[in-house]
Amino acid sequence: MQGFVYRLIAPRSTFAHDMTPDERATLSEHAAYWAGLMNAGKAVAFGPVDDPAGAYGLGVLLVEDQAEAEAIRAADPAITAPYGLRAELAPMIRLVTVGGVFDGS
């Protein structure tokens, strides 16, 4: 198992404060998707970050490999929606959780 940081980047710095109703619905679908990942044991944590430079979403995945992390990103409703959201993935060198320690490979 390997940890990955998932950073959801909005199409504009004001996104968190001026989403359209359709964008807000997409983010609700995104949150439900990530709740499902939590229930499946594939997400360790997720939520919005109120960074002064611009809010973004942050998730921590615990999956088999890069391919699985990329498949999760590709299926995320925020990414499949036409609103310009994008996500960056970065492998963690080490992920320490209440369930154990997972070293990247």
PDB file of N, CA and C in Angstrom:
ATOM      1  N   MET A   1       0.848  -1.185   0.000  1.00  0.00           N
ATOM      2  CA  MET A   1       0.000   0.000   0.000  1.00  0.00           C
ATOM      3  C   MET A   1       0.885   1.236   0.000  1.00  0.00           C
ATOM      4  N   GLN A   2       0.379   2.262  -0.650  1.00  0.00           N
ATOM      5  CA  GLN A   2       1.147   3.493  -0.758  1.00  0.00           C
ATOM      6  C   GLN A   2       0.221   4.698  -0.569  1.00  0.00           C
ATOM      7  N   GLY A   3       0.743   5.723   0.079  1.00  0.00           N
ATOM      8  CA  GLY A   3      -0.003   6.951   0.291  1.00  0.00           C
ATOM      9  C   GLY A   3       0.226   7.943  -0.837  1.00  0.00           C
ATOM     10  N   PHE A   4      -0.830   8.688  -1.153  1.00  0.00           N
ATOM     11  CA  PHE A   4      -0.760   9.752  -2.158  1.00  0.00           C
ATOM     12  C   PHE A   4      -1.495  10.978  -1.645  1.00  0.00           C
ATOM     13  N   VAL A   5      -0.939  12.139  -1.895  1.00  0.00           N
ATOM     14  CA  VAL A   5      -1.632  13.396  -1.642  1.00  0.00           C
ATOM     15  C   VAL A   5      -2.371  13.759  -2.921  1.00  0.00           C
ATOM     16  N   TYR A   6      -3.638  14.110  -2.753  1.00  0.00           N
ATOM     17  CA  TYR A   6      -4.516  14.476  -3.856  1.00  0.00           C
ATOM     18  C   TYR A   6      -4.901  15.926  -3.615  1.00  0.00           C
ATOM     19  N   ARG A   7      -4.537  16.796  -4.517  1.00  0.00           N
ATOM     20  CA  ARG A   7      -4.835  18.228  -4.350  1.00  0.00           C
ATOM     21  C   ARG A   7      -5.786  18.649  -5.453  1.00  0.00           C
ATOM     22  N   LEU A   8      -7.012  19.005  -5.084  1.00  0.00           N
ATOM     23  CA  LEU A   8      -8.029  19.456  -6.036  1.00  0.00           C
ATOM     24  C   LEU A   8      -7.903  20.966  -6.184  1.00  0.00           C
ATOM     25  N   ILE A   9      -7.637  21.392  -7.403  1.00  0.00           N
ATOM     26  CA  ILE A   9      -7.376  22.800  -7.672  1.00  0.00           C
ATOM     27  C   ILE A   9      -8.544  23.385  -8.447  1.00  0.00           C
ATOM     28  N   ALA A  10      -9.055  24.468  -7.933  1.00  0.00           N
ATOM     29  CA  ALA A  10     -10.212  25.136  -8.530  1.00  0.00           C
ATOM     30  C   ALA A  10      -9.803  25.926  -9.770  1.00  0.00           C
ATOM     31  N   PRO A  11     -10.764  26.228 -10.624  1.00  0.00           N
ATOM     32  CA  PRO A  11     -10.461  26.970 -11.845  1.00  0.00           C
ATOM     33  C   PRO A  11     -10.195  28.462 -11.612  1.00  0.00           C
ATOM     34  N   ARG A  12     -10.509  28.947 -10.408  1.00  0.00           N
ATOM     35  CA  ARG A  12     -10.269  30.361 -10.082  1.00  0.00           C
ATOM     36  C   ARG A  12     -10.081  30.483  -8.574  1.00  0.00           C
ATOM     37  N   SER A  13      -9.351  31.500  -8.146  1.00  0.00           N
ATOM     38  CA  SER A  13      -9.024  31.642  -6.720  1.00  0.00           C
ATOM     39  C   SER A  13     -10.252  31.930  -5.864  1.00  0.00           C
ATOM     40  N   THR A  14     -11.301  32.457  -6.445  1.00  0.00           N
ATOM     41  CA  THR A  14     -12.516  32.801  -5.696  1.00  0.00           C
ATOM     42  C   THR A  14     -13.556  31.681  -5.695  1.00  0.00           C
ATOM     43  N   PHE A  15     -13.220  30.545  -6.264  1.00  0.00           N
ATOM     44  CA  PHE A  15     -14.167  29.446  -6.472  1.00  0.00           C
ATOM     45  C   PHE A  15     -14.945  29.074  -5.214  1.00  0.00           C
ATOM     46  N   ALA A  16     -14.273  28.963  -4.090  1.00  0.00           N
ATOM     47  CA  ALA A  16     -14.931  28.538  -2.848  1.00  0.00           C
ATOM     48  C   ALA A  16     -16.023  29.512  -2.412  1.00  0.00           C
ATOM     49  N   HIS A  17     -15.939  30.753  -2.872  1.00  0.00           N
ATOM     50  CA  HIS A  17     -16.878  31.779  -2.426  1.00  0.00           C
ATOM     51  C   HIS A  17     -17.907  32.163  -3.484  1.00  0.00           C
ATOM     52  N   ASP A  18     -17.668  31.789  -4.731  1.00  0.00           N
ATOM     53  CA  ASP A  18     -18.603  32.225  -5.784  1.00  0.00           C
ATOM     54  C   ASP A  18     -18.996  31.104  -6.753  1.00  0.00           C
ATOM     55  N   MET A  19     -19.063  29.866  -6.239  1.00  0.00           N
ATOM     56  CA  MET A  19     -19.483  28.745  -7.078  1.00  0.00           C
ATOM     57  C   MET A  19     -20.881  28.983  -7.620  1.00  0.00           C
ATOM     58  N   THR A  20     -21.081  28.549  -8.848  1.00  0.00           N
ATOM     59  CA  THR A  20     -22.426  28.550  -9.416  1.00  0.00           C
ATOM     60  C   THR A  20     -23.202  27.390  -8.789  1.00  0.00           C
ATOM     61  N   PRO A  21     -24.509  27.369  -8.922  1.00  0.00           N
ATOM     62  CA  PRO A  21     -25.269  26.226  -8.411  1.00  0.00           C
ATOM     63  C   PRO A  21     -24.813  24.892  -9.019  1.00  0.00           C
ATOM     64  N   ASP A  22     -24.484  24.876 -10.292  1.00  0.00           N
ATOM     65  CA  ASP A  22     -24.010  23.642 -10.921  1.00  0.00           C
ATOM     66  C   ASP A  22     -22.651  23.217 -10.373  1.00  0.00           C
ATOM     67  N   GLU A  23     -21.759  24.179 -10.155  1.00  0.00           N
ATOM     68  CA  GLU A  23     -20.454  23.856  -9.568  1.00  0.00           C
ATOM     69  C   GLU A  23     -20.635  23.319  -8.149  1.00  0.00           C
ATOM     70  N   ARG A  24     -21.535  23.925  -7.384  1.00  0.00           N
ATOM     71  CA  ARG A  24     -21.785  23.478  -6.010  1.00  0.00           C
ATOM     72  C   ARG A  24     -22.337  22.048  -6.005  1.00  0.00           C
ATOM     73  N   ALA A  25     -23.223  21.733  -6.945  1.00  0.00           N
ATOM     74  CA  ALA A  25     -23.762  20.374  -7.050  1.00  0.00           C
ATOM     75  C   ALA A  25     -22.646  19.381  -7.369  1.00  0.00           C
ATOM     76  N   THR A  26     -21.736  19.781  -8.244  1.00  0.00           N
ATOM     77  CA  THR A  26     -20.603  18.916  -8.583  1.00  0.00           C
ATOM     78  C   THR A  26     -19.728  18.676  -7.360  1.00  0.00           C
ATOM     79  N   LEU A  27     -19.493  19.719  -6.565  1.00  0.00           N
ATOM     80  CA  LEU A  27     -18.676  19.539  -5.367  1.00  0.00           C
ATOM     81  C   LEU A  27     -19.377  18.668  -4.335  1.00  0.00           C
ATOM     82  N   SER A  28     -20.697  18.685  -4.308  1.00  0.00           N
ATOM     83  CA  SER A  28     -21.441  17.771  -3.430  1.00  0.00           C
ATOM     84  C   SER A  28     -21.246  16.326  -3.894  1.00  0.00           C
ATOM     85  N   GLU A  29     -21.276  16.101  -5.206  1.00  0.00           N
ATOM     86  CA  GLU A  29     -21.021  14.767  -5.753  1.00  0.00           C
ATOM     87  C   GLU A  29     -19.585  14.332  -5.438  1.00  0.00           C
ATOM     88  N   HIS A  30     -18.659  15.277  -5.562  1.00  0.00           N
ATOM     89  CA  HIS A  30     -17.249  15.018  -5.243  1.00  0.00           C
ATOM     90  C   HIS A  30     -17.111  14.583  -3.775  1.00  0.00           C
ATOM     91  N   ALA A  31     -17.775  15.288  -2.852  1.00  0.00           N
ATOM     92  CA  ALA A  31     -17.700  14.944  -1.428  1.00  0.00           C
ATOM     93  C   ALA A  31     -18.290  13.561  -1.172  1.00  0.00           C
ATOM     94  N   ALA A  32     -19.385  13.229  -1.846  1.00  0.00           N
ATOM     95  CA  ALA A  32     -19.982  11.904  -1.685  1.00  0.00           C
ATOM     96  C   ALA A  32     -19.041  10.821  -2.231  1.00  0.00           C
ATOM     97  N   TYR A  33     -18.381  11.112  -3.340  1.00  0.00           N
ATOM     98  CA  TYR A  33     -17.411  10.177  -3.925  1.00  0.00           C
ATOM     99  C   TYR A  33     -16.292   9.902  -2.928  1.00  0.00           C
ATOM    100  N   TRP A  34     -15.763  10.964  -2.316  1.00  0.00           N
ATOM    101  CA  TRP A  34     -14.679  10.797  -1.355  1.00  0.00           C
ATOM    102  C   TRP A  34     -15.157  10.117  -0.071  1.00  0.00           C
ATOM    103  N   ALA A  35     -16.399  10.346   0.322  1.00  0.00           N
ATOM    104  CA  ALA A  35     -16.946   9.625   1.478  1.00  0.00           C
ATOM    105  C   ALA A  35     -16.975   8.126   1.178  1.00  0.00           C
ATOM    106  N   GLY A  36     -17.313   7.775  -0.051  1.00  0.00           N
ATOM    107  CA  GLY A  36     -17.276   6.377  -0.463  1.00  0.00           C
ATOM    108  C   GLY A  36     -15.874   5.807  -0.421  1.00  0.00           C
ATOM    109  N   LEU A  37     -14.890   6.614  -0.826  1.00  0.00           N
ATOM    110  CA  LEU A  37     -13.494   6.177  -0.744  1.00  0.00           C
ATOM    111  C   LEU A  37     -13.073   5.957   0.709  1.00  0.00           C
ATOM    112  N   MET A  38     -13.561   6.817   1.602  1.00  0.00           N
ATOM    113  CA  MET A  38     -13.269   6.638   3.039  1.00  0.00           C
ATOM    114  C   MET A  38     -13.877   5.326   3.520  1.00  0.00           C
ATOM    115  N   ASN A  39     -15.122   5.079   3.166  1.00  0.00           N
ATOM    116  CA  ASN A  39     -15.800   3.854   3.598  1.00  0.00           C
ATOM    117  C   ASN A  39     -15.109   2.612   3.056  1.00  0.00           C
ATOM    118  N   ALA A  40     -14.507   2.729   1.869  1.00  0.00           N
ATOM    119  CA  ALA A  40     -13.800   1.600   1.257  1.00  0.00           C
ATOM    120  C   ALA A  40     -12.372   1.455   1.776  1.00  0.00           C
ATOM    121  N   GLY A  41     -11.932   2.380   2.637  1.00  0.00           N
ATOM    122  CA  GLY A  41     -10.582   2.321   3.176  1.00  0.00           C
ATOM    123  C   GLY A  41      -9.509   2.825   2.227  1.00  0.00           C
ATOM    124  N   LYS A  42      -9.905   3.516   1.170  1.00  0.00           N
ATOM    125  CA  LYS A  42      -8.936   4.030   0.192  1.00  0.00           C
ATOM    126  C   LYS A  42      -8.549   5.484   0.460  1.00  0.00           C
ATOM    127  N   ALA A  43      -9.372   6.208   1.198  1.00  0.00           N
ATOM    128  CA  ALA A  43      -9.053   7.582   1.596  1.00  0.00           C
ATOM    129  C   ALA A  43      -8.853   7.609   3.100  1.00  0.00           C
ATOM    130  N   VAL A  44      -7.824   8.303   3.533  1.00  0.00           N
ATOM    131  CA  VAL A  44      -7.505   8.431   4.949  1.00  0.00           C
ATOM    132  C   VAL A  44      -8.128   9.707   5.513  1.00  0.00           C
ATOM    133  N   ALA A  45      -8.161  10.756   4.677  1.00  0.00           N
ATOM    134  CA  ALA A  45      -8.710  12.043   5.079  1.00  0.00           C
ATOM    135  C   ALA A  45      -8.995  12.857   3.827  1.00  0.00           C
ATOM    136  N   PHE A  46      -9.948  13.810   3.941  1.00  0.00           N
ATOM    137  CA  PHE A  46     -10.188  14.738   2.843  1.00  0.00           C
ATOM    138  C   PHE A  46     -10.968  15.940   3.349  1.00  0.00           C
ATOM    139  N   GLY A  47     -10.860  17.039   2.628  1.00  0.00           N
ATOM    140  CA  GLY A  47     -11.637  18.232   2.957  1.00  0.00           C
ATOM    141  C   GLY A  47     -11.064  19.466   2.295  1.00  0.00           C
ATOM    142  N   PRO A  48     -11.832  20.564   2.359  1.00  0.00           N
ATOM    143  CA  PRO A  48     -11.377  21.826   1.771  1.00  0.00           C
ATOM    144  C   PRO A  48     -10.367  22.525   2.688  1.00  0.00           C
ATOM    145  N   VAL A  49      -9.435  23.229   2.063  1.00  0.00           N
ATOM    146  CA  VAL A  49      -8.412  23.989   2.780  1.00  0.00           C
ATOM    147  C   VAL A  49      -8.600  25.463   2.435  1.00  0.00           C
ATOM    148  N   ASP A  50      -8.729  26.310   3.449  1.00  0.00           N
ATOM    149  CA  ASP A  50      -8.950  27.739   3.232  1.00  0.00           C
ATOM    150  C   ASP A  50      -7.609  28.468   3.217  1.00  0.00           C
ATOM    151  N   ASP A  51      -6.848  28.228   2.171  1.00  0.00           N
ATOM    152  CA  ASP A  51      -5.541  28.859   1.992  1.00  0.00           C
ATOM    153  C   ASP A  51      -5.751  30.310   1.558  1.00  0.00           C
ATOM    154  N   PRO A  52      -5.067  31.279   2.175  1.00  0.00           N
ATOM    155  CA  PRO A  52      -5.215  32.680   1.776  1.00  0.00           C
ATOM    156  C   PRO A  52      -4.892  32.919   0.292  1.00  0.00           C
ATOM    157  N   ALA A  53      -4.066  32.079  -0.290  1.00  0.00           N
ATOM    158  CA  ALA A  53      -3.723  32.228  -1.712  1.00  0.00           C
ATOM    159  C   ALA A  53      -4.803  31.649  -2.619  1.00  0.00           C
ATOM    160  N   GLY A  54      -5.759  30.970  -2.050  1.00  0.00           N
ATOM    161  CA  GLY A  54      -6.835  30.349  -2.812  1.00  0.00           C
ATOM    162  C   GLY A  54      -7.152  28.988  -2.229  1.00  0.00           C
ATOM    163  N   ALA A  55      -8.411  28.771  -1.944  1.00  0.00           N
ATOM    164  CA  ALA A  55      -8.827  27.505  -1.347  1.00  0.00           C
ATOM    165  C   ALA A  55      -8.579  26.354  -2.315  1.00  0.00           C
ATOM    166  N   TYR A  56      -8.377  25.177  -1.765  1.00  0.00           N
ATOM    167  CA  TYR A  56      -8.223  23.975  -2.569  1.00  0.00           C
ATOM    168  C   TYR A  56      -8.718  22.789  -1.743  1.00  0.00           C
ATOM    169  N   GLY A  57      -8.910  21.671  -2.410  1.00  0.00           N
ATOM    170  CA  GLY A  57      -9.291  20.455  -1.716  1.00  0.00           C
ATOM    171  C   GLY A  57      -8.073  19.591  -1.490  1.00  0.00           C
ATOM    172  N   LEU A  58      -8.043  18.898  -0.367  1.00  0.00           N
ATOM    173  CA  LEU A  58      -6.925  18.030  -0.038  1.00  0.00           C
ATOM    174  C   LEU A  58      -7.455  16.667   0.366  1.00  0.00           C
ATOM    175  N   GLY A  59      -6.877  15.641  -0.197  1.00  0.00           N
ATOM    176  CA  GLY A  59      -7.216  14.287   0.181  1.00  0.00           C
ATOM    177  C   GLY A  59      -5.945  13.479   0.352  1.00  0.00           C
ATOM    178  N   VAL A  60      -6.011  12.471   1.192  1.00  0.00           N
ATOM    179  CA  VAL A  60      -4.900  11.543   1.355  1.00  0.00           C
ATOM    180  C   VAL A  60      -5.445  10.157   1.032  1.00  0.00           C
ATOM    181  N   LEU A  61      -4.834   9.537   0.041  1.00  0.00           N
ATOM    182  CA  LEU A  61      -5.232   8.204  -0.411  1.00  0.00           C
ATOM    183  C   LEU A  61      -4.263   7.156   0.108  1.00  0.00           C
ATOM    184  N   LEU A  62      -4.772   5.966   0.354  1.00  0.00           N
ATOM    185  CA  LEU A  62      -3.957   4.803   0.681  1.00  0.00           C
ATOM    186  C   LEU A  62      -4.407   3.699  -0.267  1.00  0.00           C
ATOM    187  N   VAL A  63      -3.617   3.491  -1.319  1.00  0.00           N
ATOM    188  CA  VAL A  63      -3.996   2.578  -2.402  1.00  0.00           C
ATOM    189  C   VAL A  63      -2.815   1.681  -2.765  1.00  0.00           C
ATOM    190  N   GLU A  64      -3.066   0.753  -3.676  1.00  0.00           N
ATOM    191  CA  GLU A  64      -2.024  -0.192  -4.076  1.00  0.00           C
ATOM    192  C   GLU A  64      -0.856   0.474  -4.798  1.00  0.00           C
ATOM    193  N   ASP A  65      -1.176   1.393  -5.728  1.00  0.00           N
ATOM    194  CA  ASP A  65      -0.111   1.962  -6.553  1.00  0.00           C
ATOM    195  C   ASP A  65      -0.582   3.231  -7.262  1.00  0.00           C
ATOM    196  N   GLN A  66       0.316   3.827  -8.019  1.00  0.00           N
ATOM    197  CA  GLN A  66       0.042   5.061  -8.763  1.00  0.00           C
ATOM    198  C   GLN A  66      -1.144   4.877  -9.713  1.00  0.00           C
ATOM    199  N   ALA A  67      -1.225   3.726 -10.355  1.00  0.00           N
ATOM    200  CA  ALA A  67      -2.310   3.476 -11.307  1.00  0.00           C
ATOM    201  C   ALA A  67      -3.671   3.555 -10.616  1.00  0.00           C
ATOM    202  N   GLU A  68      -3.778   3.019  -9.409  1.00  0.00           N
ATOM    203  CA  GLU A  68      -5.048   3.095  -8.688  1.00  0.00           C
ATOM    204  C   GLU A  68      -5.358   4.530  -8.283  1.00  0.00           C
ATOM    205  N   ALA A  69      -4.353   5.281  -7.848  1.00  0.00           N
ATOM    206  CA  ALA A  69      -4.562   6.689  -7.501  1.00  0.00           C
ATOM    207  C   ALA A  69      -5.031   7.477  -8.729  1.00  0.00           C
ATOM    208  N   GLU A  70      -4.431   7.209  -9.862  1.00  0.00           N
ATOM    209  CA  GLU A  70      -4.824   7.905 -11.098  1.00  0.00           C
ATOM    210  C   GLU A  70      -6.241   7.522 -11.526  1.00  0.00           C
ATOM    211  N   ALA A  71      -6.623   6.265 -11.324  1.00  0.00           N
ATOM    212  CA  ALA A  71      -7.989   5.838 -11.657  1.00  0.00           C
ATOM    213  C   ALA A  71      -9.004   6.536 -10.751  1.00  0.00           C
ATOM    214  N   ILE A  72      -8.661   6.705  -9.488  1.00  0.00           N
ATOM    215  CA  ILE A  72      -9.537   7.428  -8.560  1.00  0.00           C
ATOM    216  C   ILE A  72      -9.696   8.874  -9.019  1.00  0.00           C
ATOM    217  N   ARG A  73      -8.592   9.492  -9.402  1.00  0.00           N
ATOM    218  CA  ARG A  73      -8.664  10.869  -9.904  1.00  0.00           C
ATOM    219  C   ARG A  73      -9.532  10.941 -11.155  1.00  0.00           C
ATOM    220  N   ALA A  74      -9.346  10.030 -12.083  1.00  0.00           N
ATOM    221  CA  ALA A  74     -10.074  10.059 -13.350  1.00  0.00           C
ATOM    222  C   ALA A  74     -11.577   9.886 -13.158  1.00  0.00           C
ATOM    223  N   ALA A  75     -11.992   9.190 -12.094  1.00  0.00           N
ATOM    224  CA  ALA A  75     -13.411   8.944 -11.853  1.00  0.00           C
ATOM    225  C   ALA A  75     -14.059   9.980 -10.938  1.00  0.00           C
ATOM    226  N   ASP A  76     -13.286  10.896 -10.400  1.00  0.00           N
ATOM    227  CA  ASP A  76     -13.805  11.905  -9.478  1.00  0.00           C
ATOM    228  C   ASP A  76     -14.790  12.818 -10.217  1.00  0.00           C
ATOM    229  N   PRO A  77     -16.003  12.983  -9.697  1.00  0.00           N
ATOM    230  CA  PRO A  77     -16.975  13.865 -10.352  1.00  0.00           C
ATOM    231  C   PRO A  77     -16.471  15.295 -10.556  1.00  0.00           C
ATOM    232  N   ALA A  78     -15.593  15.765  -9.691  1.00  0.00           N
ATOM    233  CA  ALA A  78     -15.033  17.110  -9.867  1.00  0.00           C
ATOM    234  C   ALA A  78     -14.172  17.179 -11.122  1.00  0.00           C
ATOM    235  N   ILE A  79     -13.513  16.079 -11.449  1.00  0.00           N
ATOM    236  CA  ILE A  79     -12.630  16.039 -12.615  1.00  0.00           C
ATOM    237  C   ILE A  79     -13.418  15.761 -13.885  1.00  0.00           C
ATOM    238  N   THR A  80     -14.438  14.937 -13.805  1.00  0.00           N
ATOM    239  CA  THR A  80     -15.223  14.611 -14.999  1.00  0.00           C
ATOM    240  C   THR A  80     -16.183  15.733 -15.381  1.00  0.00           C
ATOM    241  N   ALA A  81     -16.452  16.649 -14.464  1.00  0.00           N
ATOM    242  CA  ALA A  81     -17.348  17.788 -14.745  1.00  0.00           C
ATOM    243  C   ALA A  81     -16.636  18.804 -15.643  1.00  0.00           C
ATOM    244  N   PRO A  82     -17.409  19.602 -16.355  1.00  0.00           N
ATOM    245  CA  PRO A  82     -16.826  20.551 -17.316  1.00  0.00           C
ATOM    246  C   PRO A  82     -16.474  21.922 -16.728  1.00  0.00           C
ATOM    247  N   TYR A  83     -16.079  21.988 -15.453  1.00  0.00           N
ATOM    248  CA  TYR A  83     -15.886  23.291 -14.814  1.00  0.00           C
ATOM    249  C   TYR A  83     -14.432  23.695 -14.617  1.00  0.00           C
ATOM    250  N   GLY A  84     -13.505  22.935 -15.143  1.00  0.00           N
ATOM    251  CA  GLY A  84     -12.101  23.325 -15.080  1.00  0.00           C
ATOM    252  C   GLY A  84     -11.367  22.946 -13.816  1.00  0.00           C
ATOM    253  N   LEU A  85     -11.975  22.139 -12.965  1.00  0.00           N
ATOM    254  CA  LEU A  85     -11.259  21.646 -11.787  1.00  0.00           C
ATOM    255  C   LEU A  85     -10.213  20.635 -12.246  1.00  0.00           C
ATOM    256  N   ARG A  86      -9.092  20.601 -11.545  1.00  0.00           N
ATOM    257  CA  ARG A  86      -8.053  19.626 -11.864  1.00  0.00           C
ATOM    258  C   ARG A  86      -7.466  19.125 -10.559  1.00  0.00           C
ATOM    259  N   ALA A  87      -6.794  17.996 -10.637  1.00  0.00           N
ATOM    260  CA  ALA A  87      -6.225  17.420  -9.420  1.00  0.00           C
ATOM    261  C   ALA A  87      -4.798  16.982  -9.680  1.00  0.00           C
ATOM    262  N   GLU A  88      -3.947  17.263  -8.716  1.00  0.00           N
ATOM    263  CA  GLU A  88      -2.556  16.819  -8.746  1.00  0.00           C
ATOM    264  C   GLU A  88      -2.405  15.666  -7.756  1.00  0.00           C
ATOM    265  N   LEU A  89      -1.622  14.689  -8.138  1.00  0.00           N
ATOM    266  CA  LEU A  89      -1.293  13.563  -7.269  1.00  0.00           C
ATOM    267  C   LEU A  89       0.196  13.581  -6.969  1.00  0.00           C
ATOM    268  N   ALA A  90       0.552  13.294  -5.727  1.00  0.00           N
ATOM    269  CA  ALA A  90       1.967  13.177  -5.362  1.00  0.00           C
ATOM    270  C   ALA A  90       2.124  11.998  -4.414  1.00  0.00           C
ATOM    271  N   PRO A  91       3.067  11.101  -4.719  1.00  0.00           N
ATOM    272  CA  PRO A  91       3.289   9.976  -3.814  1.00  0.00           C
ATOM    273  C   PRO A  91       3.940  10.444  -2.519  1.00  0.00           C
ATOM    274  N   MET A  92       3.520   9.835  -1.433  1.00  0.00           N
ATOM    275  CA  MET A  92       4.107  10.136  -0.136  1.00  0.00           C
ATOM    276  C   MET A  92       5.276   9.192   0.104  1.00  0.00           C
ATOM    277  N   ILE A  93       6.343   9.723   0.659  1.00  0.00           N
ATOM    278  CA  ILE A  93       7.498   8.901   1.004  1.00  0.00           C
ATOM    279  C   ILE A  93       7.113   7.948   2.131  1.00  0.00           C
ATOM    280  N   ARG A  94       6.342   8.459   3.061  1.00  0.00           N
ATOM    281  CA  ARG A  94       5.860   7.657   4.186  1.00  0.00           C
ATOM    282  C   ARG A  94       4.526   8.243   4.622  1.00  0.00           C
ATOM    283  N   LEU A  95       3.577   7.363   4.898  1.00  0.00           N
ATOM    284  CA  LEU A  95       2.274   7.766   5.412  1.00  0.00           C
ATOM    285  C   LEU A  95       2.082   7.089   6.756  1.00  0.00           C
ATOM    286  N   VAL A  96       1.905   7.892   7.797  1.00  0.00           N
ATOM    287  CA  VAL A  96       1.692   7.381   9.138  1.00  0.00           C
ATOM    288  C   VAL A  96       0.218   7.631   9.490  1.00  0.00           C
ATOM    289  N   THR A  97      -0.499   6.562   9.806  1.00  0.00           N
ATOM    290  CA  THR A  97      -1.903   6.657  10.155  1.00  0.00           C
ATOM    291  C   THR A  97      -2.143   5.922  11.469  1.00  0.00           C
ATOM    292  N   VAL A  98      -3.365   6.023  11.967  1.00  0.00           N
ATOM    293  CA  VAL A  98      -3.700   5.258  13.162  1.00  0.00           C
ATOM    294  C   VAL A  98      -3.657   3.766  12.873  1.00  0.00           C
ATOM    295  N   GLY A  99      -3.755   3.393  11.584  1.00  0.00           N
ATOM    296  CA  GLY A  99      -3.741   1.998  11.204  1.00  0.00           C
ATOM    297  C   GLY A  99      -2.364   1.431  10.891  1.00  0.00           C
ATOM    298  N   GLY A 100      -1.344   2.277  10.853  1.00  0.00           N
ATOM    299  CA  GLY A 100      -0.021   1.770  10.565  1.00  0.00           C
ATOM    300  C   GLY A 100       0.836   2.760   9.817  1.00  0.00           C
ATOM    301  N   VAL A 101       2.007   2.296   9.424  1.00  0.00           N
ATOM    302  CA  VAL A 101       2.973   3.093   8.679  1.00  0.00           C
ATOM    303  C   VAL A 101       3.139   2.458   7.305  1.00  0.00           C
ATOM    304  N   PHE A 102       3.031   3.288   6.265  1.00  0.00           N
ATOM    305  CA  PHE A 102       3.117   2.797   4.905  1.00  0.00           C
ATOM    306  C   PHE A 102       4.222   3.566   4.186  1.00  0.00           C
ATOM    307  N   ASP A 103       5.246   2.842   3.755  1.00  0.00           N
ATOM    308  CA  ASP A 103       6.358   3.461   3.056  1.00  0.00           C
ATOM    309  C   ASP A 103       6.099   3.407   1.560  1.00  0.00           C
ATOM    310  N   GLY A 104       6.394   4.529   0.873  1.00  0.00           N
ATOM    311  CA  GLY A 104       6.257   4.568  -0.568  1.00  0.00           C
ATOM    312  C   GLY A 104       7.249   3.620  -1.227  1.00  0.00           C
ATOM    313  N   SER A 105       6.892   3.195  -2.407  1.00  0.00           N
ATOM    314  CA  SER A 105       7.816   2.301  -3.106  1.00  0.00           C
ATOM    315  C   SER A 105       7.976   2.723  -4.542  1.00  0.00           C
TER     316      SER A 105
END
